[in-house]
Amino acid sequence: MADNITVVGNIASAPEPGRTPTGIETLTFRLASNNRRPDPKTGTWVDTGTNWFTVHAYRWLAENAMASLSKGDSVIVTGRLRLREWETKEGKRGMAVEIEADSIGADLRWGRSTFHRVSRAPMPGAANATEPATETDPGPVPVGAGEPGPSDGWAPEGEKETPF
């Protein structure tokens, strides 16, 4: 079972597109989340540290995020928290803190955004997946209509999808 997490922060590295060995589109970037608190003595806000996360997006979220996000953008990321231990050949050890993103959005406290719904053919590997993605303006559409979600049948390699 994974822990769900929502983090507000700034994109600290250029988003990097990629593909899994099975051809699924991916996007990875570093996210910095600054911790601040009011200092009762001075009445000002003080920085108390930064948490760093590696964010991984897959499939349509990866495609849309690549077209929408840049280094320095303020975002809100919701997904599954993963802690991964690592060790180098020299014996240095550490912990990687990763988020497998379910949603990524602009933090509208710092700017404005315009949403453009994208109409798509089925994902590669699906039956009749021949048409490329095209932008459309279908007018009012119920939220989530026709969009893949956490239970779209995909799970990270080595894990099974859990129905909600």
N, C-alpha and C. Protein backbone atom coordinates (compact mmCIF):
# COMPACT_ATOMS: atom_id res chain seq x y z
N MET A 1 0.85 -1.18 0.00
CA MET A 1 0.00 0.00 0.00
C MET A 1 0.89 1.23 0.00
N ALA A 2 0.55 2.20 -0.82
CA ALA A 2 1.34 3.42 -0.94
C ALA A 2 0.71 4.54 -0.12
N ASP A 3 1.55 5.46 0.32
CA ASP A 3 1.07 6.65 1.02
C ASP A 3 0.80 7.74 0.00
N ASN A 4 -0.41 8.33 0.03
CA ASN A 4 -0.72 9.44 -0.85
C ASN A 4 -0.20 10.72 -0.23
N ILE A 5 0.26 11.63 -1.09
CA ILE A 5 0.86 12.86 -0.63
C ILE A 5 0.52 13.98 -1.60
N THR A 6 0.37 15.18 -1.09
CA THR A 6 0.22 16.38 -1.91
C THR A 6 1.31 17.34 -1.49
N VAL A 7 2.08 17.82 -2.46
CA VAL A 7 3.20 18.72 -2.17
C VAL A 7 3.05 19.96 -3.04
N VAL A 8 3.25 21.12 -2.42
CA VAL A 8 3.28 22.39 -3.12
C VAL A 8 4.73 22.83 -3.18
N GLY A 9 5.22 23.16 -4.36
CA GLY A 9 6.61 23.55 -4.48
C GLY A 9 6.93 24.12 -5.84
N ASN A 10 8.23 24.24 -6.10
CA ASN A 10 8.72 24.78 -7.37
C ASN A 10 9.51 23.72 -8.12
N ILE A 11 9.32 23.68 -9.43
CA ILE A 11 10.08 22.74 -10.26
C ILE A 11 11.52 23.22 -10.28
N ALA A 12 12.43 22.37 -9.81
CA ALA A 12 13.83 22.77 -9.63
C ALA A 12 14.75 22.27 -10.73
N SER A 13 14.26 21.44 -11.63
CA SER A 13 15.07 20.96 -12.75
C SER A 13 14.22 20.96 -14.01
N ALA A 14 14.87 21.03 -15.14
CA ALA A 14 14.12 20.96 -16.40
C ALA A 14 13.42 19.61 -16.48
N PRO A 15 12.11 19.58 -16.74
CA PRO A 15 11.42 18.29 -16.88
C PRO A 15 12.05 17.46 -18.00
N GLU A 16 12.33 16.19 -17.69
CA GLU A 16 13.00 15.30 -18.63
C GLU A 16 12.04 14.23 -19.13
N PRO A 17 11.75 14.24 -20.45
CA PRO A 17 10.87 13.19 -20.99
C PRO A 17 11.65 11.89 -21.15
N GLY A 18 10.92 10.79 -21.21
CA GLY A 18 11.53 9.49 -21.44
C GLY A 18 10.47 8.46 -21.74
N ARG A 19 10.88 7.21 -21.77
CA ARG A 19 9.97 6.10 -22.01
C ARG A 19 10.42 4.92 -21.16
N THR A 20 9.44 4.14 -20.71
CA THR A 20 9.75 2.91 -20.01
C THR A 20 10.22 1.88 -21.04
N PRO A 21 10.80 0.77 -20.60
CA PRO A 21 11.19 -0.28 -21.56
C PRO A 21 10.03 -0.80 -22.39
N THR A 22 8.81 -0.65 -21.89
CA THR A 22 7.64 -1.12 -22.65
C THR A 22 7.02 -0.02 -23.51
N GLY A 23 7.65 1.17 -23.54
CA GLY A 23 7.20 2.24 -24.43
C GLY A 23 6.26 3.25 -23.82
N ILE A 24 6.01 3.18 -22.51
CA ILE A 24 5.12 4.15 -21.87
C ILE A 24 5.85 5.47 -21.69
N GLU A 25 5.19 6.56 -22.08
CA GLU A 25 5.79 7.89 -21.98
C GLU A 25 5.95 8.29 -20.50
N THR A 26 7.11 8.89 -20.17
CA THR A 26 7.39 9.32 -18.80
C THR A 26 7.89 10.75 -18.79
N LEU A 27 7.83 11.36 -17.61
CA LEU A 27 8.41 12.68 -17.38
C LEU A 27 8.91 12.70 -15.95
N THR A 28 10.11 13.22 -15.75
CA THR A 28 10.72 13.27 -14.42
C THR A 28 11.26 14.67 -14.18
N PHE A 29 11.04 15.17 -12.96
CA PHE A 29 11.65 16.45 -12.56
C PHE A 29 11.84 16.48 -11.06
N ARG A 30 12.70 17.38 -10.60
CA ARG A 30 12.92 17.58 -9.17
C ARG A 30 12.00 18.69 -8.69
N LEU A 31 11.46 18.50 -7.50
CA LEU A 31 10.53 19.45 -6.89
C LEU A 31 11.10 19.89 -5.55
N ALA A 32 11.18 21.20 -5.35
CA ALA A 32 11.65 21.76 -4.08
C ALA A 32 10.46 22.36 -3.35
N SER A 33 10.27 21.94 -2.11
CA SER A 33 9.18 22.46 -1.28
C SER A 33 9.80 23.13 -0.06
N ASN A 34 9.67 24.45 -0.01
CA ASN A 34 10.27 25.22 1.08
C ASN A 34 9.36 25.22 2.30
N ASN A 35 9.96 25.01 3.45
CA ASN A 35 9.23 25.08 4.71
C ASN A 35 9.44 26.46 5.30
N ARG A 36 8.35 27.13 5.63
CA ARG A 36 8.42 28.47 6.23
C ARG A 36 7.49 28.52 7.43
N ARG A 37 7.86 29.34 8.38
CA ARG A 37 7.01 29.54 9.55
C ARG A 37 7.19 30.97 10.03
N PRO A 38 6.19 31.49 10.72
CA PRO A 38 6.35 32.84 11.26
C PRO A 38 7.26 32.81 12.49
N ASP A 39 8.12 33.80 12.57
CA ASP A 39 8.99 33.95 13.74
C ASP A 39 8.30 34.92 14.69
N PRO A 40 7.83 34.44 15.86
CA PRO A 40 7.08 35.30 16.76
C PRO A 40 7.90 36.47 17.31
N LYS A 41 9.23 36.33 17.35
CA LYS A 41 10.08 37.40 17.88
C LYS A 41 10.21 38.57 16.91
N THR A 42 10.32 38.25 15.60
CA THR A 42 10.53 39.31 14.61
C THR A 42 9.26 39.65 13.84
N GLY A 43 8.27 38.74 13.88
CA GLY A 43 7.04 38.97 13.12
C GLY A 43 7.21 38.74 11.63
N THR A 44 8.31 38.11 11.21
CA THR A 44 8.55 37.84 9.80
C THR A 44 8.52 36.33 9.56
N TRP A 45 8.45 35.96 8.30
CA TRP A 45 8.51 34.55 7.93
C TRP A 45 9.96 34.15 7.76
N VAL A 46 10.31 32.96 8.26
CA VAL A 46 11.68 32.46 8.12
C VAL A 46 11.66 31.10 7.45
N ASP A 47 12.67 30.86 6.61
CA ASP A 47 12.82 29.55 5.97
C ASP A 47 13.40 28.58 6.97
N THR A 48 12.81 27.39 7.03
CA THR A 48 13.28 26.37 7.98
C THR A 48 13.81 25.14 7.26
N GLY A 49 14.02 25.22 5.97
CA GLY A 49 14.56 24.09 5.22
C GLY A 49 13.77 23.82 3.97
N THR A 50 14.33 22.96 3.13
CA THR A 50 13.70 22.60 1.87
C THR A 50 13.63 21.09 1.78
N ASN A 51 12.48 20.58 1.41
CA ASN A 51 12.33 19.15 1.11
C ASN A 51 12.46 18.98 -0.39
N TRP A 52 13.16 17.93 -0.80
CA TRP A 52 13.39 17.65 -2.21
C TRP A 52 12.73 16.34 -2.59
N PHE A 53 12.05 16.35 -3.73
CA PHE A 53 11.36 15.17 -4.24
C PHE A 53 11.71 14.99 -5.71
N THR A 54 11.78 13.74 -6.14
CA THR A 54 11.84 13.44 -7.57
C THR A 54 10.43 13.02 -7.97
N VAL A 55 9.87 13.72 -8.95
CA VAL A 55 8.50 13.46 -9.39
C VAL A 55 8.54 12.68 -10.70
N HIS A 56 7.76 11.60 -10.76
CA HIS A 56 7.64 10.80 -11.97
C HIS A 56 6.19 10.85 -12.44
N ALA A 57 5.98 11.21 -13.70
CA ALA A 57 4.65 11.20 -14.31
C ALA A 57 4.67 10.22 -15.47
N TYR A 58 3.52 9.60 -15.74
CA TYR A 58 3.43 8.60 -16.78
C TYR A 58 2.26 8.88 -17.71
N ARG A 59 2.36 8.34 -18.90
CA ARG A 59 1.31 8.36 -19.91
C ARG A 59 0.85 9.77 -20.25
N TRP A 60 -0.48 10.00 -20.24
CA TRP A 60 -1.02 11.30 -20.64
C TRP A 60 -0.62 12.41 -19.70
N LEU A 61 -0.49 12.11 -18.42
CA LEU A 61 -0.02 13.13 -17.48
C LEU A 61 1.38 13.57 -17.86
N ALA A 62 2.23 12.66 -18.25
CA ALA A 62 3.59 13.00 -18.68
C ALA A 62 3.55 13.89 -19.93
N GLU A 63 2.72 13.52 -20.88
CA GLU A 63 2.62 14.29 -22.13
C GLU A 63 2.12 15.71 -21.86
N ASN A 64 1.05 15.82 -21.07
CA ASN A 64 0.49 17.15 -20.79
C ASN A 64 1.45 17.98 -19.94
N ALA A 65 2.10 17.35 -18.97
CA ALA A 65 3.05 18.08 -18.11
C ALA A 65 4.23 18.59 -18.94
N MET A 66 4.72 17.80 -19.87
CA MET A 66 5.85 18.23 -20.70
C MET A 66 5.48 19.45 -21.52
N ALA A 67 4.24 19.50 -22.01
CA ALA A 67 3.79 20.63 -22.82
C ALA A 67 3.47 21.86 -21.97
N SER A 68 3.32 21.67 -20.65
CA SER A 68 2.82 22.74 -19.80
C SER A 68 3.82 23.29 -18.79
N LEU A 69 4.81 22.50 -18.39
CA LEU A 69 5.65 22.87 -17.25
C LEU A 69 7.07 23.23 -17.65
N SER A 70 7.67 24.10 -16.84
CA SER A 70 9.06 24.51 -17.04
C SER A 70 9.74 24.64 -15.68
N LYS A 71 11.05 24.60 -15.71
CA LYS A 71 11.83 24.82 -14.50
C LYS A 71 11.42 26.16 -13.90
N GLY A 72 11.22 26.19 -12.58
CA GLY A 72 10.84 27.41 -11.87
C GLY A 72 9.35 27.56 -11.63
N ASP A 73 8.52 26.78 -12.34
CA ASP A 73 7.06 26.88 -12.16
C ASP A 73 6.65 26.44 -10.76
N SER A 74 5.65 27.13 -10.20
CA SER A 74 5.05 26.73 -8.93
C SER A 74 3.94 25.74 -9.23
N VAL A 75 3.99 24.56 -8.60
CA VAL A 75 3.03 23.51 -8.90
C VAL A 75 2.52 22.85 -7.62
N ILE A 76 1.43 22.13 -7.79
CA ILE A 76 0.86 21.28 -6.76
C ILE A 76 0.86 19.87 -7.34
N VAL A 77 1.52 18.95 -6.64
CA VAL A 77 1.65 17.57 -7.11
C VAL A 77 0.96 16.64 -6.11
N THR A 78 0.11 15.77 -6.61
CA THR A 78 -0.53 14.75 -5.79
C THR A 78 -0.17 13.40 -6.35
N GLY A 79 0.20 12.47 -5.47
CA GLY A 79 0.57 11.14 -5.94
C GLY A 79 0.92 10.22 -4.80
N ARG A 80 1.66 9.18 -5.16
CA ARG A 80 2.05 8.16 -4.19
C ARG A 80 3.50 8.37 -3.79
N LEU A 81 3.74 8.44 -2.49
CA LEU A 81 5.08 8.63 -1.95
C LEU A 81 5.84 7.31 -1.97
N ARG A 82 7.07 7.36 -2.45
CA ARG A 82 7.95 6.20 -2.47
C ARG A 82 9.29 6.60 -1.85
N LEU A 83 9.76 5.83 -0.89
CA LEU A 83 11.08 6.01 -0.31
C LEU A 83 11.94 4.87 -0.80
N ARG A 84 13.07 5.21 -1.45
CA ARG A 84 13.92 4.18 -2.02
C ARG A 84 15.34 4.36 -1.48
N GLU A 85 15.85 3.30 -0.85
CA GLU A 85 17.23 3.33 -0.37
C GLU A 85 18.16 3.09 -1.55
N TRP A 86 19.33 3.72 -1.51
CA TRP A 86 20.31 3.52 -2.56
C TRP A 86 21.70 3.44 -1.94
N GLU A 87 22.62 2.85 -2.70
CA GLU A 87 24.01 2.74 -2.26
C GLU A 87 24.91 2.77 -3.49
N THR A 88 25.98 3.55 -3.42
CA THR A 88 26.93 3.62 -4.53
C THR A 88 27.95 2.50 -4.40
N LYS A 89 28.74 2.30 -5.45
CA LYS A 89 29.79 1.29 -5.42
C LYS A 89 30.83 1.59 -4.34
N GLU A 90 30.96 2.89 -4.01
CA GLU A 90 31.92 3.30 -2.98
C GLU A 90 31.38 3.15 -1.57
N GLY A 91 30.12 2.72 -1.43
CA GLY A 91 29.54 2.48 -0.13
C GLY A 91 28.72 3.63 0.44
N LYS A 92 28.60 4.73 -0.30
CA LYS A 92 27.78 5.84 0.17
C LYS A 92 26.32 5.43 0.06
N ARG A 93 25.55 5.68 1.13
CA ARG A 93 24.14 5.28 1.18
C ARG A 93 23.26 6.50 1.35
N GLY A 94 22.02 6.35 0.91
CA GLY A 94 21.07 7.45 1.08
C GLY A 94 19.65 6.98 0.84
N MET A 95 18.75 7.94 0.89
CA MET A 95 17.33 7.68 0.70
C MET A 95 16.81 8.64 -0.37
N ALA A 96 16.20 8.10 -1.41
CA ALA A 96 15.55 8.91 -2.44
C ALA A 96 14.08 9.04 -2.08
N VAL A 97 13.55 10.25 -2.16
CA VAL A 97 12.15 10.50 -1.88
C VAL A 97 11.49 10.83 -3.21
N GLU A 98 10.57 9.97 -3.64
CA GLU A 98 9.96 10.08 -4.96
C GLU A 98 8.45 10.17 -4.85
N ILE A 99 7.84 10.83 -5.83
CA ILE A 99 6.39 10.88 -5.93
C ILE A 99 6.01 10.36 -7.30
N GLU A 100 5.17 9.32 -7.34
CA GLU A 100 4.58 8.85 -8.59
C GLU A 100 3.30 9.64 -8.75
N ALA A 101 3.34 10.66 -9.61
CA ALA A 101 2.26 11.64 -9.70
C ALA A 101 0.98 11.08 -10.29
N ASP A 102 -0.14 11.44 -9.64
CA ASP A 102 -1.47 11.20 -10.19
C ASP A 102 -1.99 12.46 -10.86
N SER A 103 -1.62 13.63 -10.29
CA SER A 103 -2.06 14.93 -10.81
C SER A 103 -0.96 15.95 -10.58
N ILE A 104 -0.85 16.88 -11.53
CA ILE A 104 0.07 18.01 -11.40
C ILE A 104 -0.67 19.23 -11.90
N GLY A 105 -0.64 20.30 -11.13
CA GLY A 105 -1.32 21.52 -11.56
C GLY A 105 -0.54 22.76 -11.17
N ALA A 106 -0.85 23.85 -11.84
CA ALA A 106 -0.22 25.12 -11.52
C ALA A 106 -0.72 25.63 -10.18
N ASP A 107 0.17 26.25 -9.40
CA ASP A 107 -0.22 26.89 -8.14
C ASP A 107 -0.67 28.30 -8.51
N LEU A 108 -1.97 28.52 -8.51
CA LEU A 108 -2.53 29.78 -9.01
C LEU A 108 -2.37 30.94 -8.04
N ARG A 109 -1.70 30.72 -6.90
CA ARG A 109 -1.35 31.86 -6.04
C ARG A 109 -0.32 32.74 -6.73
N TRP A 110 0.43 32.18 -7.67
CA TRP A 110 1.57 32.88 -8.25
C TRP A 110 1.39 33.22 -9.71
N GLY A 111 0.28 32.89 -10.31
CA GLY A 111 0.10 33.21 -11.72
C GLY A 111 -1.24 32.73 -12.22
N ARG A 112 -1.47 32.89 -13.51
CA ARG A 112 -2.72 32.50 -14.15
C ARG A 112 -2.45 31.38 -15.14
N SER A 113 -3.49 30.63 -15.39
CA SER A 113 -3.37 29.50 -16.30
C SER A 113 -4.65 29.38 -17.11
N THR A 114 -4.53 28.87 -18.31
CA THR A 114 -5.69 28.57 -19.14
C THR A 114 -5.66 27.09 -19.45
N PHE A 115 -6.77 26.42 -19.22
CA PHE A 115 -6.85 24.98 -19.42
C PHE A 115 -7.26 24.69 -20.86
N HIS A 116 -6.56 23.79 -21.51
CA HIS A 116 -6.89 23.33 -22.86
C HIS A 116 -7.08 21.83 -22.82
N ARG A 117 -8.31 21.38 -22.94
CA ARG A 117 -8.60 19.95 -22.94
C ARG A 117 -8.03 19.34 -24.22
N VAL A 118 -7.47 18.13 -24.11
CA VAL A 118 -6.86 17.45 -25.24
C VAL A 118 -7.65 16.19 -25.54
N SER A 119 -8.03 16.03 -26.82
CA SER A 119 -8.72 14.83 -27.26
C SER A 119 -7.67 13.86 -27.77
N ARG A 120 -7.78 12.60 -27.40
CA ARG A 120 -6.75 11.64 -27.76
C ARG A 120 -7.33 10.36 -28.34
N ALA A 121 -6.48 9.72 -29.12
CA ALA A 121 -6.74 8.34 -29.54
C ALA A 121 -6.36 7.46 -28.36
N PRO A 122 -6.72 6.20 -28.39
CA PRO A 122 -6.31 5.30 -27.31
C PRO A 122 -4.78 5.28 -27.17
N MET A 123 -4.32 4.95 -25.98
CA MET A 123 -2.88 4.87 -25.71
C MET A 123 -2.25 3.82 -26.61
N PRO A 124 -0.94 3.99 -26.94
CA PRO A 124 -0.25 2.98 -27.76
C PRO A 124 -0.42 1.60 -27.14
N GLY A 125 -0.61 0.63 -27.98
CA GLY A 125 -0.82 -0.73 -27.50
C GLY A 125 -2.29 -1.08 -27.36
N ALA A 126 -3.15 -0.05 -27.35
CA ALA A 126 -4.59 -0.30 -27.27
C ALA A 126 -5.12 -0.57 -28.67
N ALA A 127 -6.27 -1.19 -28.75
CA ALA A 127 -6.87 -1.49 -30.06
C ALA A 127 -7.13 -0.21 -30.83
N ASN A 128 -6.81 -0.20 -32.12
CA ASN A 128 -7.06 0.93 -33.03
C ASN A 128 -6.36 2.21 -32.60
N ALA A 129 -5.14 2.12 -32.04
CA ALA A 129 -4.40 3.32 -31.62
C ALA A 129 -3.62 3.87 -32.80
N THR A 130 -4.30 4.58 -33.71
CA THR A 130 -3.64 5.06 -34.91
C THR A 130 -3.60 6.57 -35.03
N GLU A 131 -4.48 7.29 -34.37
CA GLU A 131 -4.55 8.74 -34.53
C GLU A 131 -3.70 9.45 -33.49
N PRO A 132 -3.00 10.54 -33.88
CA PRO A 132 -2.23 11.31 -32.91
C PRO A 132 -3.16 12.17 -32.05
N ALA A 133 -2.63 12.68 -30.94
CA ALA A 133 -3.40 13.57 -30.07
C ALA A 133 -3.63 14.89 -30.78
N THR A 134 -4.82 15.48 -30.60
CA THR A 134 -5.12 16.78 -31.16
C THR A 134 -5.83 17.62 -30.13
N GLU A 135 -5.57 18.94 -30.15
CA GLU A 135 -6.26 19.83 -29.22
C GLU A 135 -7.63 20.17 -29.78
N THR A 136 -8.62 20.19 -28.89
CA THR A 136 -9.98 20.54 -29.28
C THR A 136 -10.59 21.39 -28.20
N ASP A 137 -11.70 22.01 -28.50
CA ASP A 137 -12.48 22.74 -27.50
C ASP A 137 -13.88 22.16 -27.53
N PRO A 138 -14.12 21.08 -26.76
CA PRO A 138 -15.41 20.41 -26.84
C PRO A 138 -16.52 21.11 -26.08
N GLY A 139 -16.23 22.25 -25.47
CA GLY A 139 -17.24 22.92 -24.65
C GLY A 139 -17.28 22.26 -23.29
N PRO A 140 -18.35 22.50 -22.53
CA PRO A 140 -18.42 21.93 -21.19
C PRO A 140 -18.40 20.40 -21.22
N VAL A 141 -17.50 19.83 -20.42
CA VAL A 141 -17.37 18.39 -20.32
C VAL A 141 -17.28 18.05 -18.85
N PRO A 142 -17.99 17.04 -18.38
CA PRO A 142 -17.89 16.67 -16.97
C PRO A 142 -16.45 16.34 -16.60
N VAL A 143 -16.02 16.76 -15.42
CA VAL A 143 -14.67 16.51 -14.96
C VAL A 143 -14.42 15.01 -14.93
N GLY A 144 -13.30 14.60 -15.52
CA GLY A 144 -12.91 13.20 -15.53
C GLY A 144 -13.54 12.36 -16.62
N ALA A 145 -14.45 12.94 -17.41
CA ALA A 145 -15.13 12.16 -18.43
C ALA A 145 -14.13 11.68 -19.48
N GLY A 146 -14.01 10.38 -19.64
CA GLY A 146 -13.15 9.81 -20.68
C GLY A 146 -11.68 9.88 -20.38
N GLU A 147 -11.29 10.38 -19.21
CA GLU A 147 -9.88 10.49 -18.88
C GLU A 147 -9.44 9.29 -18.05
N PRO A 148 -8.19 8.86 -18.22
CA PRO A 148 -7.72 7.76 -17.40
C PRO A 148 -7.51 8.24 -15.98
N GLY A 149 -7.64 7.35 -15.04
CA GLY A 149 -7.42 7.71 -13.65
C GLY A 149 -6.49 6.71 -13.01
N PRO A 150 -6.42 6.76 -11.68
CA PRO A 150 -5.53 5.85 -10.99
C PRO A 150 -5.86 4.38 -11.27
N SER A 151 -7.09 4.08 -11.66
CA SER A 151 -7.45 2.69 -11.92
C SER A 151 -7.61 2.43 -13.40
N ASP A 152 -6.74 3.01 -14.24
CA ASP A 152 -6.83 2.80 -15.68
C ASP A 152 -6.16 1.51 -16.12
N GLY A 153 -5.82 0.64 -15.14
CA GLY A 153 -5.24 -0.64 -15.49
C GLY A 153 -3.73 -0.64 -15.49
N TRP A 154 -3.11 0.49 -15.25
CA TRP A 154 -1.66 0.55 -15.26
C TRP A 154 -1.15 0.60 -13.84
N ALA A 155 -0.07 -0.09 -13.58
CA ALA A 155 0.59 -0.03 -12.28
C ALA A 155 2.08 -0.04 -12.54
N PRO A 156 2.89 0.59 -11.66
CA PRO A 156 4.35 0.56 -11.85
C PRO A 156 4.84 -0.88 -11.94
N GLU A 157 5.95 -1.06 -12.65
CA GLU A 157 6.51 -2.38 -12.85
C GLU A 157 6.68 -3.10 -11.52
N GLY A 158 6.22 -4.33 -11.46
CA GLY A 158 6.37 -5.12 -10.25
C GLY A 158 5.25 -4.92 -9.24
N GLU A 159 4.29 -4.05 -9.53
CA GLU A 159 3.19 -3.81 -8.61
C GLU A 159 1.88 -4.11 -9.30
N LYS A 160 0.86 -4.40 -8.52
CA LYS A 160 -0.46 -4.66 -9.06
C LYS A 160 -1.36 -3.45 -8.78
N GLU A 161 -2.21 -3.15 -9.74
CA GLU A 161 -3.16 -2.04 -9.58
C GLU A 161 -4.19 -2.41 -8.53
N THR A 162 -4.45 -1.51 -7.61
CA THR A 162 -5.44 -1.73 -6.57
C THR A 162 -6.69 -0.93 -6.91
N PRO A 163 -7.85 -1.59 -7.06
CA PRO A 163 -9.07 -0.83 -7.38
C PRO A 163 -9.50 0.02 -6.20
N PHE A 164 -10.09 1.14 -6.50
CA PHE A 164 -10.53 2.06 -5.44
C PHE A 164 -11.96 1.79 -5.07
